[in-house]
């Protein structure tokens, strides 16, 4: 009976290793998700801040709308996520939201069309996605 149990244990360990490898292999999509999100929102910030109204808001809105729709379809078709995915996604989105508000609101009030405000602001808004993608790639 001891030999039978050790055979089951070996099979279970082999299956666990196989599943772990599948999760690592199939969860790399989240790297690209975050990078595309960061780039799209950074470009949106540039458009809103540097193009004349209503063109900046229209272009930026369409750009981010298309990016989010594409990312939603892309993410919906992915078979697996790593443990802690929800926490990492919430952290990225929370940081992005804070930075977005910190750049967008003062920018519209005091810095409309000021390149020295909007370019660094766009980089700051893109950073949560870019850093999140980098950290995810290292996992």
Protein backbone atom coordinates (compact mmCIF):
# COMPACT_ATOMS: atom_id res chain seq x y z
CA UNK A 1 0.00 0.00 0.00
CA UNK A 2 2.93 2.38 0.71
CA UNK A 3 4.20 1.91 -2.82
CA UNK A 4 0.78 2.67 -4.28
CA UNK A 5 0.54 5.90 -2.28
CA UNK A 6 4.02 7.01 -3.33
CA UNK A 7 3.07 6.38 -6.98
CA UNK A 8 0.01 8.60 -6.57
CA UNK A 9 2.13 11.25 -4.89
CA UNK A 10 4.67 11.15 -7.73
CA UNK A 11 1.86 11.48 -10.30
CA UNK A 12 0.35 14.39 -8.37
CA UNK A 13 3.72 16.15 -8.21
CA UNK A 14 4.29 15.60 -11.92
CA UNK A 15 0.84 17.01 -12.68
CA UNK A 16 1.48 20.02 -10.43
CA UNK A 17 4.77 20.72 -12.22
CA UNK A 18 3.02 20.39 -15.59
CA UNK A 19 0.25 22.81 -14.53
CA UNK A 20 2.80 25.27 -13.11
CA UNK A 21 4.69 25.30 -16.40
CA UNK A 22 1.43 25.85 -18.31
CA UNK A 23 0.51 28.79 -16.09
CA UNK A 24 3.94 30.39 -16.53
CA UNK A 25 3.83 29.86 -20.28
CA UNK A 26 0.25 31.05 -20.77
CA UNK A 27 0.21 34.02 -18.40
CA UNK A 28 2.85 36.09 -20.19
CA UNK A 29 0.03 37.92 -21.97
CA UNK A 30 -0.38 40.21 -18.97
CA UNK A 31 3.02 41.78 -19.71
CA UNK A 32 1.80 43.01 -23.10
CA UNK A 33 -1.57 44.01 -21.69
CA UNK A 34 0.07 46.40 -19.23
CA UNK A 35 2.57 47.80 -21.75
CA UNK A 36 -0.16 48.51 -24.33
CA UNK A 37 -2.35 50.06 -21.62
CA UNK A 38 0.50 52.32 -20.49
CA UNK A 39 1.39 53.45 -24.01
CA UNK A 40 -2.24 54.08 -24.99
CA UNK A 41 -3.00 56.17 -21.92
CA UNK A 42 0.26 58.12 -22.31
CA UNK A 43 -0.62 58.93 -25.92
CA UNK A 44 -4.12 59.90 -24.86
CA UNK A 45 -2.69 62.34 -22.32
CA UNK A 46 -0.50 63.90 -25.02
CA UNK A 47 -3.44 64.24 -27.39
CA UNK A 48 -5.71 65.82 -24.80
CA UNK A 49 -3.05 68.24 -23.64
CA UNK A 50 -1.42 69.28 -26.89
CA UNK A 51 -4.12 69.17 -29.56
CA UNK A 52 -6.73 71.89 -29.74
CA UNK A 53 -10.20 71.15 -28.44
CA UNK A 54 -12.21 69.17 -29.45
CA UNK A 55 -9.66 67.27 -31.53
CA UNK A 56 -7.42 66.22 -28.62
CA UNK A 57 -10.25 64.84 -26.52
CA UNK A 58 -11.82 63.14 -29.55
CA UNK A 59 -8.59 61.55 -30.75
CA UNK A 60 -7.53 60.57 -27.22
CA UNK A 61 -10.95 59.13 -26.42
CA UNK A 62 -11.08 57.07 -29.60
CA UNK A 63 -7.50 55.87 -29.09
CA UNK A 64 -8.08 54.71 -25.53
CA UNK A 65 -11.53 53.33 -26.37
CA UNK A 66 -10.09 51.16 -29.14
CA UNK A 67 -7.15 50.10 -26.99
CA UNK A 68 -9.40 49.15 -24.06
CA UNK A 69 -11.82 47.25 -26.31
CA UNK A 70 -8.94 45.37 -27.90
CA UNK A 71 -7.33 44.66 -24.53
CA UNK A 72 -10.65 43.46 -23.14
CA UNK A 73 -11.10 40.97 -25.98
CA UNK A 74 -7.46 39.92 -25.72
CA UNK A 75 -7.67 39.37 -21.94
CA UNK A 76 -10.97 37.54 -22.24
CA UNK A 77 -9.41 34.95 -24.52
CA UNK A 78 -6.46 34.19 -22.25
CA UNK A 79 -6.81 30.84 -20.50
CA UNK A 80 -4.94 31.53 -17.26
CA UNK A 81 -3.69 34.20 -14.90
CA UNK A 82 -1.10 33.91 -12.18
CA UNK A 83 -1.97 33.92 -8.54
CA UNK A 84 -2.21 37.53 -7.32
CA UNK A 85 -3.27 38.85 -10.74
CA UNK A 86 -6.21 40.80 -9.31
CA UNK A 87 -4.04 42.51 -6.71
CA UNK A 88 -1.42 43.48 -9.29
CA UNK A 89 -4.10 44.77 -11.66
CA UNK A 90 -5.74 46.82 -8.90
CA UNK A 91 -2.37 48.29 -7.87
CA UNK A 92 -1.56 49.27 -11.45
CA UNK A 93 -4.99 50.82 -12.03
CA UNK A 94 -4.93 52.65 -8.69
CA UNK A 95 -1.50 54.16 -9.39
CA UNK A 96 -2.58 55.04 -12.92
CA UNK A 97 -5.76 56.74 -11.70
CA UNK A 98 -3.90 58.86 -9.16
CA UNK A 99 -1.29 59.94 -11.70
CA UNK A 100 -3.91 60.56 -14.38
CA UNK A 101 -5.86 62.87 -12.09
CA UNK A 102 -2.70 64.62 -10.87
CA UNK A 103 -1.68 65.42 -14.46
CA UNK A 104 -5.06 65.91 -16.13
CA UNK A 105 -6.85 68.24 -13.73
CA UNK A 106 -4.06 70.83 -13.23
CA UNK A 107 -3.17 70.51 -16.90
CA UNK A 108 -6.64 71.50 -18.04
CA UNK A 109 -6.84 74.33 -15.52
CA UNK A 110 -3.38 75.90 -15.75
CA UNK A 111 -1.26 74.23 -18.45
CA UNK A 112 -3.35 73.91 -21.61
CA UNK A 113 -1.00 73.39 -24.55
CA UNK A 114 2.18 73.61 -22.43
CA UNK A 115 4.52 70.95 -23.76
CA UNK A 116 6.69 71.09 -20.62
CA UNK A 117 3.66 69.90 -18.59
CA UNK A 118 2.06 67.37 -20.90
CA UNK A 119 5.10 65.41 -22.11
CA UNK A 120 6.41 64.52 -18.63
CA UNK A 121 2.79 64.06 -17.53
CA UNK A 122 2.17 61.57 -20.33
CA UNK A 123 5.29 59.65 -19.33
CA UNK A 124 4.12 59.62 -15.70
CA UNK A 125 0.68 58.34 -16.71
CA UNK A 126 2.24 55.58 -18.82
CA UNK A 127 4.61 54.44 -16.05
CA UNK A 128 2.23 52.21 -14.04
CA UNK A 129 1.58 50.07 -17.11
CA UNK A 130 5.20 50.04 -18.21
CA UNK A 131 6.55 49.26 -14.75
CA UNK A 132 3.83 46.67 -14.20
CA UNK A 133 4.74 45.00 -17.49
CA UNK A 134 8.41 44.97 -16.56
CA UNK A 135 7.73 43.49 -13.12
CA UNK A 136 5.38 40.88 -14.58
CA UNK A 137 8.01 39.87 -17.15
CA UNK A 138 10.50 39.28 -14.32
CA UNK A 139 8.12 36.95 -12.42
